[in-house]
């Protein structure tokens, strides 16, 4: 599998993996690259008609810090997609995400 890379800025929810993309994640890396403020991150899976399930919600990633995580879920067709939401107490949140 190729590495998927994202540069995310602002308080948005972003789809990292669509349902049915059949990706087996070895590791997910989330780096706070904002430079002056911590960033709050929600990482969750969602399936239409079933709802959201959080791996973590509101976890604070300090400046210049990377969080590595191994989410395990069913990404087969008709199953779950992987999503991330950024929030900042002050400033604009900015993270780099790598899916390996």
N, C-alpha and C. Protein backbone atom coordinates (compact mmCIF):
# COMPACT_ATOMS: atom_id res chain seq x y z
N UNK A 1 0.83 -1.18 0.00
CA UNK A 1 0.00 0.00 0.00
C UNK A 1 0.87 1.24 0.00
N UNK A 2 0.47 2.24 -0.75
CA UNK A 2 1.18 3.51 -0.78
C UNK A 2 0.87 4.30 0.49
N UNK A 3 1.77 5.19 0.83
CA UNK A 3 1.55 6.09 1.96
C UNK A 3 0.58 7.19 1.54
N UNK A 4 -0.42 7.46 2.37
CA UNK A 4 -1.35 8.55 2.12
C UNK A 4 -0.94 9.73 2.98
N UNK A 5 -0.86 10.92 2.39
CA UNK A 5 -0.38 12.12 3.07
C UNK A 5 -1.43 13.22 3.02
N UNK A 6 -1.59 13.91 4.15
CA UNK A 6 -2.54 15.01 4.24
C UNK A 6 -1.90 16.17 4.99
N UNK A 7 -2.07 17.39 4.48
CA UNK A 7 -1.75 18.62 5.20
C UNK A 7 -3.09 19.27 5.53
N UNK A 8 -3.48 19.23 6.79
CA UNK A 8 -4.81 19.71 7.18
C UNK A 8 -4.69 21.00 7.98
N UNK A 9 -5.49 21.98 7.60
CA UNK A 9 -5.50 23.28 8.27
C UNK A 9 -6.95 23.70 8.48
N UNK A 10 -7.24 24.29 9.62
CA UNK A 10 -8.55 24.81 10.00
C UNK A 10 -9.39 23.76 10.72
N UNK A 11 -10.49 24.23 11.25
CA UNK A 11 -11.37 23.40 12.05
C UNK A 11 -12.41 22.72 11.17
N UNK A 12 -11.99 21.67 10.51
CA UNK A 12 -12.85 20.90 9.63
C UNK A 12 -12.81 19.43 10.02
N UNK A 13 -13.84 18.71 9.58
CA UNK A 13 -13.80 17.25 9.64
C UNK A 13 -13.37 16.78 8.25
N UNK A 14 -12.36 15.91 8.20
CA UNK A 14 -11.81 15.43 6.94
C UNK A 14 -11.90 13.92 6.87
N UNK A 15 -12.33 13.41 5.74
CA UNK A 15 -12.35 11.97 5.50
C UNK A 15 -10.94 11.53 5.11
N UNK A 16 -10.33 10.69 5.94
CA UNK A 16 -9.00 10.18 5.63
C UNK A 16 -9.08 8.93 4.77
N UNK A 17 -10.03 8.06 5.06
CA UNK A 17 -10.25 6.84 4.26
C UNK A 17 -11.74 6.68 4.03
N UNK A 18 -12.11 6.57 2.79
CA UNK A 18 -13.53 6.37 2.46
C UNK A 18 -13.95 4.95 2.81
N UNK A 19 -15.20 4.76 3.16
CA UNK A 19 -15.70 3.40 3.37
C UNK A 19 -15.49 2.60 2.08
N UNK A 20 -14.99 1.40 2.23
CA UNK A 20 -14.78 0.53 1.08
C UNK A 20 -13.45 0.68 0.39
N UNK A 21 -12.53 1.50 0.92
CA UNK A 21 -11.23 1.64 0.27
C UNK A 21 -10.29 0.47 0.56
N UNK A 22 -10.71 -0.43 1.44
CA UNK A 22 -9.97 -1.67 1.74
C UNK A 22 -8.51 -1.42 2.08
N UNK A 23 -8.24 -0.42 2.92
CA UNK A 23 -6.88 -0.09 3.33
C UNK A 23 -6.58 -0.72 4.67
N UNK A 24 -5.48 -1.42 4.76
CA UNK A 24 -5.00 -2.00 6.02
C UNK A 24 -3.94 -1.06 6.58
N UNK A 25 -4.25 -0.37 7.66
CA UNK A 25 -3.33 0.64 8.21
C UNK A 25 -2.29 -0.03 9.11
N UNK A 26 -1.02 0.20 8.82
CA UNK A 26 0.05 -0.25 9.72
C UNK A 26 0.26 0.76 10.84
N UNK A 27 0.18 2.05 10.47
CA UNK A 27 0.39 3.12 11.45
C UNK A 27 -0.19 4.42 10.91
N UNK A 28 -0.71 5.24 11.82
CA UNK A 28 -1.21 6.55 11.49
C UNK A 28 -0.40 7.55 12.30
N UNK A 29 0.15 8.56 11.65
CA UNK A 29 0.95 9.58 12.31
C UNK A 29 0.28 10.93 12.16
N UNK A 30 0.09 11.63 13.29
CA UNK A 30 -0.53 12.97 13.29
C UNK A 30 0.46 13.92 13.95
N UNK A 31 0.99 14.87 13.18
CA UNK A 31 2.00 15.82 13.69
C UNK A 31 1.40 17.21 13.76
N UNK A 32 1.48 17.84 14.92
CA UNK A 32 1.05 19.23 15.07
C UNK A 32 2.14 20.12 14.49
N UNK A 33 1.84 20.76 13.37
CA UNK A 33 2.82 21.62 12.69
C UNK A 33 2.45 23.10 12.79
N UNK A 34 1.48 23.42 13.63
CA UNK A 34 1.00 24.79 13.76
C UNK A 34 2.08 25.71 14.29
N UNK A 35 2.87 25.27 15.24
CA UNK A 35 4.03 26.04 15.68
C UNK A 35 3.87 26.85 16.95
N UNK A 36 2.66 27.31 17.27
CA UNK A 36 2.51 28.12 18.48
C UNK A 36 1.42 27.65 19.43
N UNK A 37 0.54 26.74 18.99
CA UNK A 37 -0.57 26.31 19.84
C UNK A 37 -0.79 24.81 19.74
N UNK A 38 -1.29 24.25 20.84
CA UNK A 38 -1.71 22.84 20.82
C UNK A 38 -2.92 22.71 19.92
N UNK A 39 -3.16 21.50 19.46
CA UNK A 39 -4.30 21.21 18.59
C UNK A 39 -5.09 20.07 19.19
N UNK A 40 -6.40 20.22 19.26
CA UNK A 40 -7.26 19.16 19.75
C UNK A 40 -7.73 18.32 18.56
N UNK A 41 -7.64 17.00 18.71
CA UNK A 41 -7.94 16.10 17.59
C UNK A 41 -8.96 15.05 18.01
N UNK A 42 -9.95 14.84 17.14
CA UNK A 42 -10.87 13.71 17.25
C UNK A 42 -10.54 12.77 16.09
N UNK A 43 -10.40 11.48 16.37
CA UNK A 43 -10.20 10.48 15.32
C UNK A 43 -11.30 9.45 15.50
N UNK A 44 -12.09 9.24 14.44
CA UNK A 44 -13.23 8.34 14.57
C UNK A 44 -13.53 7.62 13.27
N UNK A 45 -14.31 6.55 13.41
CA UNK A 45 -14.84 5.84 12.24
C UNK A 45 -16.33 6.10 12.19
N UNK A 46 -16.88 6.02 10.99
CA UNK A 46 -18.31 6.24 10.84
C UNK A 46 -18.85 5.36 9.72
N UNK A 47 -20.04 4.85 9.97
CA UNK A 47 -20.75 4.04 8.98
C UNK A 47 -22.15 4.60 8.87
N UNK A 48 -22.61 4.84 7.65
CA UNK A 48 -23.95 5.39 7.44
C UNK A 48 -24.98 4.47 8.08
N UNK A 49 -25.85 5.05 8.86
CA UNK A 49 -26.90 4.29 9.51
C UNK A 49 -26.50 3.66 10.83
N UNK A 50 -25.20 3.70 11.15
CA UNK A 50 -24.71 3.09 12.39
C UNK A 50 -24.22 4.15 13.37
N UNK A 51 -23.53 5.18 12.87
CA UNK A 51 -23.04 6.24 13.74
C UNK A 51 -21.53 6.33 13.79
N UNK A 52 -21.07 7.20 14.70
CA UNK A 52 -19.63 7.45 14.89
C UNK A 52 -19.13 6.65 16.09
N UNK A 53 -17.88 6.20 15.97
CA UNK A 53 -17.19 5.52 17.06
C UNK A 53 -15.80 6.13 17.16
N UNK A 54 -15.47 6.70 18.33
CA UNK A 54 -14.22 7.46 18.49
C UNK A 54 -13.07 6.57 18.96
N UNK A 55 -11.92 6.72 18.27
CA UNK A 55 -10.67 6.15 18.78
C UNK A 55 -10.18 7.07 19.89
N UNK A 56 -10.23 8.38 19.65
CA UNK A 56 -10.00 9.37 20.69
C UNK A 56 -10.75 10.64 20.33
N UNK A 57 -11.13 11.38 21.37
CA UNK A 57 -11.91 12.60 21.19
C UNK A 57 -11.31 13.69 22.07
N UNK A 58 -10.96 14.80 21.43
CA UNK A 58 -10.43 15.94 22.17
C UNK A 58 -9.03 15.74 22.72
N UNK A 59 -8.25 14.84 22.11
CA UNK A 59 -6.88 14.65 22.58
C UNK A 59 -6.05 15.85 22.14
N UNK A 60 -5.28 16.39 23.06
CA UNK A 60 -4.47 17.58 22.78
C UNK A 60 -3.07 17.16 22.34
N UNK A 61 -2.69 17.62 21.15
CA UNK A 61 -1.34 17.36 20.65
C UNK A 61 -0.56 18.67 20.79
N UNK A 62 0.46 18.68 21.66
CA UNK A 62 1.25 19.90 21.87
C UNK A 62 2.00 20.32 20.60
N UNK A 63 2.47 21.57 20.59
CA UNK A 63 3.23 22.06 19.44
C UNK A 63 4.45 21.17 19.20
N UNK A 64 4.79 21.01 17.94
CA UNK A 64 5.96 20.24 17.52
C UNK A 64 5.96 18.82 18.08
N UNK A 65 4.79 18.21 18.17
CA UNK A 65 4.67 16.86 18.71
C UNK A 65 3.93 15.99 17.71
N UNK A 66 4.31 14.71 17.66
CA UNK A 66 3.66 13.75 16.77
C UNK A 66 3.02 12.65 17.59
N UNK A 67 1.79 12.30 17.23
CA UNK A 67 1.08 11.19 17.84
C UNK A 67 1.03 10.06 16.82
N UNK A 68 1.43 8.87 17.23
CA UNK A 68 1.33 7.71 16.36
C UNK A 68 0.29 6.76 16.94
N UNK A 69 -0.52 6.18 16.05
CA UNK A 69 -1.62 5.34 16.49
C UNK A 69 -1.88 4.27 15.44
N UNK A 70 -2.38 3.12 15.88
CA UNK A 70 -2.72 2.01 14.99
C UNK A 70 -4.21 1.72 15.11
N UNK A 71 -5.04 2.44 14.32
CA UNK A 71 -6.48 2.16 14.39
C UNK A 71 -6.81 0.85 13.68
N UNK A 72 -7.64 0.04 14.29
CA UNK A 72 -8.05 -1.23 13.69
C UNK A 72 -9.57 -1.18 13.52
N UNK A 73 -10.01 -1.34 12.27
CA UNK A 73 -11.44 -1.33 11.97
C UNK A 73 -11.66 -1.96 10.60
N UNK A 74 -12.90 -2.26 10.28
CA UNK A 74 -13.27 -2.88 9.01
C UNK A 74 -13.51 -1.79 7.97
N UNK A 75 -12.63 -1.70 6.98
CA UNK A 75 -12.71 -0.68 5.94
C UNK A 75 -13.20 -1.27 4.61
N UNK A 76 -13.88 -2.42 4.69
CA UNK A 76 -14.40 -3.08 3.49
C UNK A 76 -15.58 -2.29 2.92
N UNK A 77 -15.99 -2.59 1.67
CA UNK A 77 -17.16 -1.91 1.10
C UNK A 77 -18.39 -2.06 2.01
N UNK A 78 -19.11 -0.95 2.19
CA UNK A 78 -20.30 -0.96 3.04
C UNK A 78 -20.01 -0.89 4.52
N UNK A 79 -18.74 -0.72 4.90
CA UNK A 79 -18.38 -0.67 6.31
C UNK A 79 -17.98 0.75 6.72
N UNK A 80 -16.86 0.92 7.42
CA UNK A 80 -16.52 2.18 8.06
C UNK A 80 -15.49 3.00 7.27
N UNK A 81 -15.64 4.32 7.34
CA UNK A 81 -14.64 5.26 6.87
C UNK A 81 -13.93 5.85 8.07
N UNK A 82 -12.73 6.41 7.85
CA UNK A 82 -11.92 7.00 8.92
C UNK A 82 -11.91 8.51 8.75
N UNK A 83 -12.16 9.23 9.86
CA UNK A 83 -12.29 10.68 9.81
C UNK A 83 -11.48 11.33 10.93
N UNK A 84 -11.07 12.57 10.68
CA UNK A 84 -10.35 13.36 11.68
C UNK A 84 -10.99 14.74 11.76
N UNK A 85 -11.08 15.27 12.98
CA UNK A 85 -11.59 16.62 13.18
C UNK A 85 -10.58 17.39 14.03
N UNK A 86 -10.24 18.59 13.59
CA UNK A 86 -9.29 19.44 14.30
C UNK A 86 -10.02 20.58 14.98
N UNK A 87 -9.54 20.94 16.18
CA UNK A 87 -10.06 22.09 16.91
C UNK A 87 -8.89 22.78 17.58
N UNK A 88 -8.92 24.10 17.62
CA UNK A 88 -7.87 24.85 18.29
C UNK A 88 -8.48 25.75 19.36
N UNK A 89 -7.83 25.84 20.51
CA UNK A 89 -8.27 26.77 21.55
C UNK A 89 -8.01 28.20 21.08
N UNK A 90 -6.86 28.41 20.45
CA UNK A 90 -6.52 29.70 19.85
C UNK A 90 -5.77 29.44 18.55
N UNK A 91 -5.81 30.38 17.66
CA UNK A 91 -5.11 30.23 16.39
C UNK A 91 -5.82 29.25 15.46
N UNK A 92 -5.13 28.86 14.42
CA UNK A 92 -5.65 27.95 13.41
C UNK A 92 -4.94 26.61 13.54
N UNK A 93 -5.67 25.52 13.75
CA UNK A 93 -5.01 24.22 13.86
C UNK A 93 -4.40 23.80 12.53
N UNK A 94 -3.26 23.12 12.60
CA UNK A 94 -2.60 22.60 11.39
C UNK A 94 -1.86 21.32 11.77
N UNK A 95 -2.17 20.25 11.06
CA UNK A 95 -1.49 18.97 11.29
C UNK A 95 -1.12 18.34 9.96
N UNK A 96 -0.09 17.52 10.00
CA UNK A 96 0.25 16.65 8.89
C UNK A 96 -0.14 15.25 9.32
N UNK A 97 -0.81 14.52 8.42
CA UNK A 97 -1.24 13.15 8.70
C UNK A 97 -0.61 12.24 7.67
N UNK A 98 -0.02 11.15 8.16
CA UNK A 98 0.52 10.10 7.27
C UNK A 98 -0.14 8.79 7.64
N UNK A 99 -0.67 8.11 6.63
CA UNK A 99 -1.22 6.78 6.82
C UNK A 99 -0.27 5.82 6.13
N UNK A 100 0.34 4.97 6.93
CA UNK A 100 1.34 4.03 6.41
C UNK A 100 0.78 2.62 6.44
